[in-house]
């Protein structure tokens, strides 16, 4: 929700909405090319935009965990547990986690 809010605040709401499905799920070059064609962007530009969204999402998750964890080591532990939990989810069903 925070990532979406930031994108909307920066005037990039439509871009965010088009790329949101690829923030967690991996995409192939054809998918990036298709999205790029819809947005008037090259596929590699789409890939870079998704990379930046993923990076920002990692920062937001880390910050959220840091607010609740008992020190930097605990944040790393929580991130490992979260990653493992999300990795166990069937593809396309990660919203349930």
N, C-alpha and C. Protein backbone atom coordinates (compact mmCIF):
# COMPACT_ATOMS: atom_id res chain seq x y z
N UNK A 1 0.83 -1.19 0.00
CA UNK A 1 0.00 0.00 0.00
C UNK A 1 0.88 1.26 0.00
N UNK A 2 1.96 1.22 0.75
CA UNK A 2 2.86 2.38 0.80
C UNK A 2 3.53 2.61 -0.55
N UNK A 3 3.93 1.54 -1.20
CA UNK A 3 4.56 1.66 -2.51
C UNK A 3 3.59 2.28 -3.52
N UNK A 4 2.34 1.85 -3.49
CA UNK A 4 1.31 2.41 -4.36
C UNK A 4 1.10 3.89 -4.04
N UNK A 5 1.04 4.21 -2.76
CA UNK A 5 0.85 5.60 -2.34
C UNK A 5 1.99 6.49 -2.85
N UNK A 6 3.22 5.99 -2.75
CA UNK A 6 4.36 6.75 -3.24
C UNK A 6 4.28 6.97 -4.75
N UNK A 7 3.88 5.92 -5.48
CA UNK A 7 3.77 6.04 -6.93
C UNK A 7 2.69 7.05 -7.30
N UNK A 8 1.56 6.99 -6.63
CA UNK A 8 0.49 7.94 -6.90
C UNK A 8 0.94 9.37 -6.60
N UNK A 9 1.64 9.54 -5.49
CA UNK A 9 2.14 10.85 -5.10
C UNK A 9 3.14 11.42 -6.09
N UNK A 10 3.85 10.54 -6.78
CA UNK A 10 4.84 10.97 -7.77
C UNK A 10 4.23 11.10 -9.16
N UNK A 11 2.91 10.91 -9.26
CA UNK A 11 2.25 11.00 -10.56
C UNK A 11 2.49 9.79 -11.45
N UNK A 12 2.85 8.67 -10.84
CA UNK A 12 3.13 7.46 -11.61
C UNK A 12 2.16 6.33 -11.32
N UNK A 13 0.94 6.70 -10.98
CA UNK A 13 -0.08 5.70 -10.67
C UNK A 13 -0.34 4.72 -11.80
N UNK A 14 -0.57 5.20 -13.03
CA UNK A 14 -0.82 4.26 -14.12
C UNK A 14 0.37 3.32 -14.38
N UNK A 15 1.58 3.83 -14.27
CA UNK A 15 2.76 3.00 -14.45
C UNK A 15 2.82 1.94 -13.35
N UNK A 16 2.58 2.36 -12.12
CA UNK A 16 2.60 1.41 -11.01
C UNK A 16 1.57 0.31 -11.22
N UNK A 17 0.36 0.67 -11.58
CA UNK A 17 -0.70 -0.32 -11.76
C UNK A 17 -0.35 -1.31 -12.87
N UNK A 18 0.29 -0.83 -13.93
CA UNK A 18 0.68 -1.73 -15.02
C UNK A 18 1.79 -2.67 -14.60
N UNK A 19 2.67 -2.21 -13.72
CA UNK A 19 3.83 -3.01 -13.32
C UNK A 19 3.62 -3.81 -12.04
N UNK A 20 2.59 -3.49 -11.29
CA UNK A 20 2.34 -4.14 -10.00
C UNK A 20 2.35 -5.67 -10.07
N UNK A 21 1.78 -6.28 -11.10
CA UNK A 21 1.79 -7.75 -11.13
C UNK A 21 3.20 -8.35 -11.21
N UNK A 22 4.17 -7.54 -11.62
CA UNK A 22 5.53 -8.05 -11.82
C UNK A 22 6.46 -7.72 -10.66
N UNK A 23 5.96 -7.07 -9.64
CA UNK A 23 6.80 -6.70 -8.50
C UNK A 23 7.19 -7.94 -7.71
N UNK A 24 6.27 -8.86 -7.55
CA UNK A 24 6.53 -10.07 -6.77
C UNK A 24 6.78 -11.26 -7.70
N UNK A 25 6.00 -11.38 -8.74
CA UNK A 25 6.13 -12.49 -9.68
C UNK A 25 7.15 -12.13 -10.76
N UNK A 26 7.92 -13.09 -11.16
CA UNK A 26 8.88 -12.85 -12.24
C UNK A 26 8.15 -12.84 -13.57
N UNK A 27 8.70 -12.12 -14.51
CA UNK A 27 8.13 -12.03 -15.85
C UNK A 27 9.21 -12.34 -16.86
N UNK A 28 8.78 -12.75 -18.03
CA UNK A 28 9.77 -13.00 -19.08
C UNK A 28 9.82 -11.78 -20.01
N UNK A 29 10.75 -11.82 -20.92
CA UNK A 29 10.96 -10.68 -21.83
C UNK A 29 9.72 -10.37 -22.64
N UNK A 30 8.95 -11.40 -23.02
CA UNK A 30 7.74 -11.17 -23.82
C UNK A 30 6.70 -10.38 -23.02
N UNK A 31 6.59 -10.69 -21.73
CA UNK A 31 5.63 -9.95 -20.90
C UNK A 31 6.06 -8.49 -20.76
N UNK A 32 7.35 -8.26 -20.54
CA UNK A 32 7.84 -6.88 -20.45
C UNK A 32 7.64 -6.16 -21.77
N UNK A 33 7.84 -6.85 -22.87
CA UNK A 33 7.64 -6.23 -24.19
C UNK A 33 6.18 -5.86 -24.39
N UNK A 34 5.28 -6.73 -23.96
CA UNK A 34 3.85 -6.46 -24.09
C UNK A 34 3.43 -5.26 -23.25
N UNK A 35 3.87 -5.23 -22.01
CA UNK A 35 3.56 -4.09 -21.13
C UNK A 35 4.20 -2.82 -21.69
N UNK A 36 5.42 -2.94 -22.14
CA UNK A 36 6.11 -1.80 -22.72
C UNK A 36 5.37 -1.24 -23.92
N UNK A 37 4.84 -2.10 -24.77
CA UNK A 37 4.08 -1.64 -25.94
C UNK A 37 2.83 -0.88 -25.51
N UNK A 38 2.18 -1.35 -24.46
CA UNK A 38 0.99 -0.68 -23.94
C UNK A 38 1.33 0.70 -23.37
N UNK A 39 2.52 0.80 -22.77
CA UNK A 39 2.91 2.04 -22.11
C UNK A 39 3.78 2.95 -22.97
N UNK A 40 4.15 2.47 -24.15
CA UNK A 40 5.04 3.25 -25.00
C UNK A 40 6.47 3.26 -24.48
N UNK A 41 6.88 2.13 -23.89
CA UNK A 41 8.23 1.99 -23.32
C UNK A 41 8.90 0.77 -23.93
N UNK A 42 10.23 0.79 -23.93
CA UNK A 42 10.97 -0.39 -24.34
C UNK A 42 10.94 -1.44 -23.24
N UNK A 43 11.08 -2.69 -23.61
CA UNK A 43 11.02 -3.79 -22.65
C UNK A 43 12.08 -3.64 -21.56
N UNK A 44 13.30 -3.22 -21.95
CA UNK A 44 14.33 -3.08 -20.92
C UNK A 44 14.04 -1.92 -19.98
N UNK A 45 13.34 -0.91 -20.45
CA UNK A 45 12.93 0.20 -19.57
C UNK A 45 11.90 -0.29 -18.56
N UNK A 46 11.01 -1.15 -19.02
CA UNK A 46 10.02 -1.75 -18.11
C UNK A 46 10.75 -2.59 -17.06
N UNK A 47 11.72 -3.37 -17.49
CA UNK A 47 12.47 -4.21 -16.55
C UNK A 47 13.18 -3.36 -15.49
N UNK A 48 13.74 -2.25 -15.91
CA UNK A 48 14.41 -1.35 -14.96
C UNK A 48 13.40 -0.76 -13.98
N UNK A 49 12.24 -0.37 -14.48
CA UNK A 49 11.21 0.19 -13.60
C UNK A 49 10.74 -0.84 -12.58
N UNK A 50 10.56 -2.08 -13.01
CA UNK A 50 10.17 -3.15 -12.09
C UNK A 50 11.28 -3.38 -11.06
N UNK A 51 12.52 -3.38 -11.50
CA UNK A 51 13.66 -3.54 -10.58
C UNK A 51 13.63 -2.46 -9.50
N UNK A 52 13.39 -1.24 -9.90
CA UNK A 52 13.35 -0.13 -8.93
C UNK A 52 12.19 -0.28 -7.96
N UNK A 53 11.04 -0.73 -8.45
CA UNK A 53 9.90 -0.95 -7.56
C UNK A 53 10.21 -2.06 -6.56
N UNK A 54 10.84 -3.12 -7.03
CA UNK A 54 11.21 -4.22 -6.13
C UNK A 54 12.19 -3.74 -5.06
N UNK A 55 13.15 -2.95 -5.48
CA UNK A 55 14.13 -2.43 -4.53
C UNK A 55 13.45 -1.57 -3.48
N UNK A 56 12.55 -0.70 -3.91
CA UNK A 56 11.85 0.16 -2.95
C UNK A 56 10.96 -0.67 -2.04
N UNK A 57 10.32 -1.70 -2.57
CA UNK A 57 9.49 -2.58 -1.74
C UNK A 57 10.35 -3.25 -0.67
N UNK A 58 11.54 -3.73 -1.05
CA UNK A 58 12.45 -4.33 -0.06
C UNK A 58 12.78 -3.33 1.05
N UNK A 59 13.03 -2.08 0.67
CA UNK A 59 13.33 -1.05 1.67
C UNK A 59 12.15 -0.83 2.60
N UNK A 60 10.96 -0.77 2.04
CA UNK A 60 9.76 -0.54 2.86
C UNK A 60 9.52 -1.71 3.81
N UNK A 61 9.69 -2.93 3.32
CA UNK A 61 9.50 -4.10 4.18
C UNK A 61 10.54 -4.11 5.29
N UNK A 62 11.79 -3.84 4.94
CA UNK A 62 12.86 -3.80 5.95
C UNK A 62 12.55 -2.73 7.01
N UNK A 63 12.12 -1.57 6.59
CA UNK A 63 11.80 -0.50 7.54
C UNK A 63 10.65 -0.89 8.45
N UNK A 64 9.65 -1.55 7.88
CA UNK A 64 8.50 -1.99 8.68
C UNK A 64 8.93 -3.02 9.72
N UNK A 65 9.75 -3.96 9.29
CA UNK A 65 10.25 -4.96 10.24
C UNK A 65 11.16 -4.35 11.29
N UNK A 66 11.96 -3.37 10.90
CA UNK A 66 12.87 -2.72 11.86
C UNK A 66 12.09 -2.03 12.97
N UNK A 67 10.91 -1.52 12.64
CA UNK A 67 10.08 -0.86 13.64
C UNK A 67 9.57 -1.84 14.69
N UNK A 68 9.52 -3.13 14.33
CA UNK A 68 8.94 -4.13 15.23
C UNK A 68 9.96 -5.12 15.79
N UNK A 69 11.15 -5.15 15.22
CA UNK A 69 12.14 -6.15 15.61
C UNK A 69 13.04 -5.64 16.73
N UNK A 70 13.72 -6.59 17.36
CA UNK A 70 14.63 -6.27 18.46
C UNK A 70 16.07 -6.18 17.98
N UNK A 71 16.35 -5.31 17.03
CA UNK A 71 17.71 -5.10 16.55
C UNK A 71 17.91 -5.56 15.12
N UNK A 72 19.04 -5.14 14.53
CA UNK A 72 19.31 -5.45 13.12
C UNK A 72 19.35 -6.95 12.81
N UNK A 73 19.90 -7.75 13.71
CA UNK A 73 19.93 -9.19 13.50
C UNK A 73 18.54 -9.78 13.44
N UNK A 74 17.66 -9.25 14.26
CA UNK A 74 16.28 -9.73 14.28
C UNK A 74 15.57 -9.38 12.97
N UNK A 75 15.91 -8.23 12.39
CA UNK A 75 15.32 -7.85 11.10
C UNK A 75 15.71 -8.85 10.04
N UNK A 76 16.98 -9.21 10.00
CA UNK A 76 17.45 -10.19 9.03
C UNK A 76 16.76 -11.54 9.23
N UNK A 77 16.59 -11.94 10.49
CA UNK A 77 15.89 -13.20 10.78
C UNK A 77 14.45 -13.15 10.28
N UNK A 78 13.79 -12.04 10.56
CA UNK A 78 12.39 -11.88 10.12
C UNK A 78 12.28 -11.89 8.60
N UNK A 79 13.26 -11.27 7.93
CA UNK A 79 13.26 -11.26 6.47
C UNK A 79 13.42 -12.67 5.91
N UNK A 80 14.27 -13.46 6.53
CA UNK A 80 14.45 -14.85 6.09
C UNK A 80 13.15 -15.64 6.25
N UNK A 81 12.49 -15.47 7.39
CA UNK A 81 11.23 -16.17 7.64
C UNK A 81 10.17 -15.72 6.63
N UNK A 82 10.09 -14.43 6.40
CA UNK A 82 9.12 -13.90 5.43
C UNK A 82 9.40 -14.42 4.03
N UNK A 83 10.66 -14.40 3.64
CA UNK A 83 11.04 -14.90 2.32
C UNK A 83 10.68 -16.37 2.17
N UNK A 84 10.96 -17.15 3.19
CA UNK A 84 10.64 -18.58 3.15
C UNK A 84 9.14 -18.79 3.04
N UNK A 85 8.37 -18.02 3.79
CA UNK A 85 6.92 -18.16 3.75
C UNK A 85 6.37 -17.81 2.37
N UNK A 86 6.89 -16.74 1.78
CA UNK A 86 6.43 -16.35 0.46
C UNK A 86 6.89 -17.32 -0.61
N UNK A 87 8.05 -17.90 -0.44
CA UNK A 87 8.57 -18.86 -1.41
C UNK A 87 7.75 -20.13 -1.42
N UNK A 88 7.12 -20.46 -0.30
CA UNK A 88 6.30 -21.67 -0.20
C UNK A 88 4.92 -21.51 -0.81
N UNK A 89 4.52 -20.28 -1.10
CA UNK A 89 3.19 -20.03 -1.65
C UNK A 89 3.15 -20.43 -3.12
N UNK A 90 2.06 -21.04 -3.56
CA UNK A 90 1.92 -21.33 -4.99
C UNK A 90 1.93 -20.04 -5.78
N UNK A 91 2.51 -20.08 -6.96
CA UNK A 91 2.58 -18.90 -7.82
C UNK A 91 1.17 -18.37 -8.07
N UNK A 92 1.01 -17.06 -7.96
CA UNK A 92 -0.29 -16.44 -8.17
C UNK A 92 -1.16 -16.40 -6.94
N UNK A 93 -0.70 -16.97 -5.82
CA UNK A 93 -1.49 -17.00 -4.59
C UNK A 93 -0.74 -16.36 -3.44
N UNK A 94 0.12 -15.42 -3.75
CA UNK A 94 0.96 -14.82 -2.70
C UNK A 94 0.23 -13.75 -1.90
N UNK A 95 -0.91 -13.30 -2.38
CA UNK A 95 -1.68 -12.32 -1.61
C UNK A 95 -2.20 -12.94 -0.32
N UNK A 96 -2.32 -14.26 -0.27
CA UNK A 96 -2.85 -14.93 0.91
C UNK A 96 -1.84 -14.96 2.03
N UNK A 97 -0.56 -14.74 1.73
CA UNK A 97 0.48 -14.83 2.76
C UNK A 97 0.53 -13.60 3.63
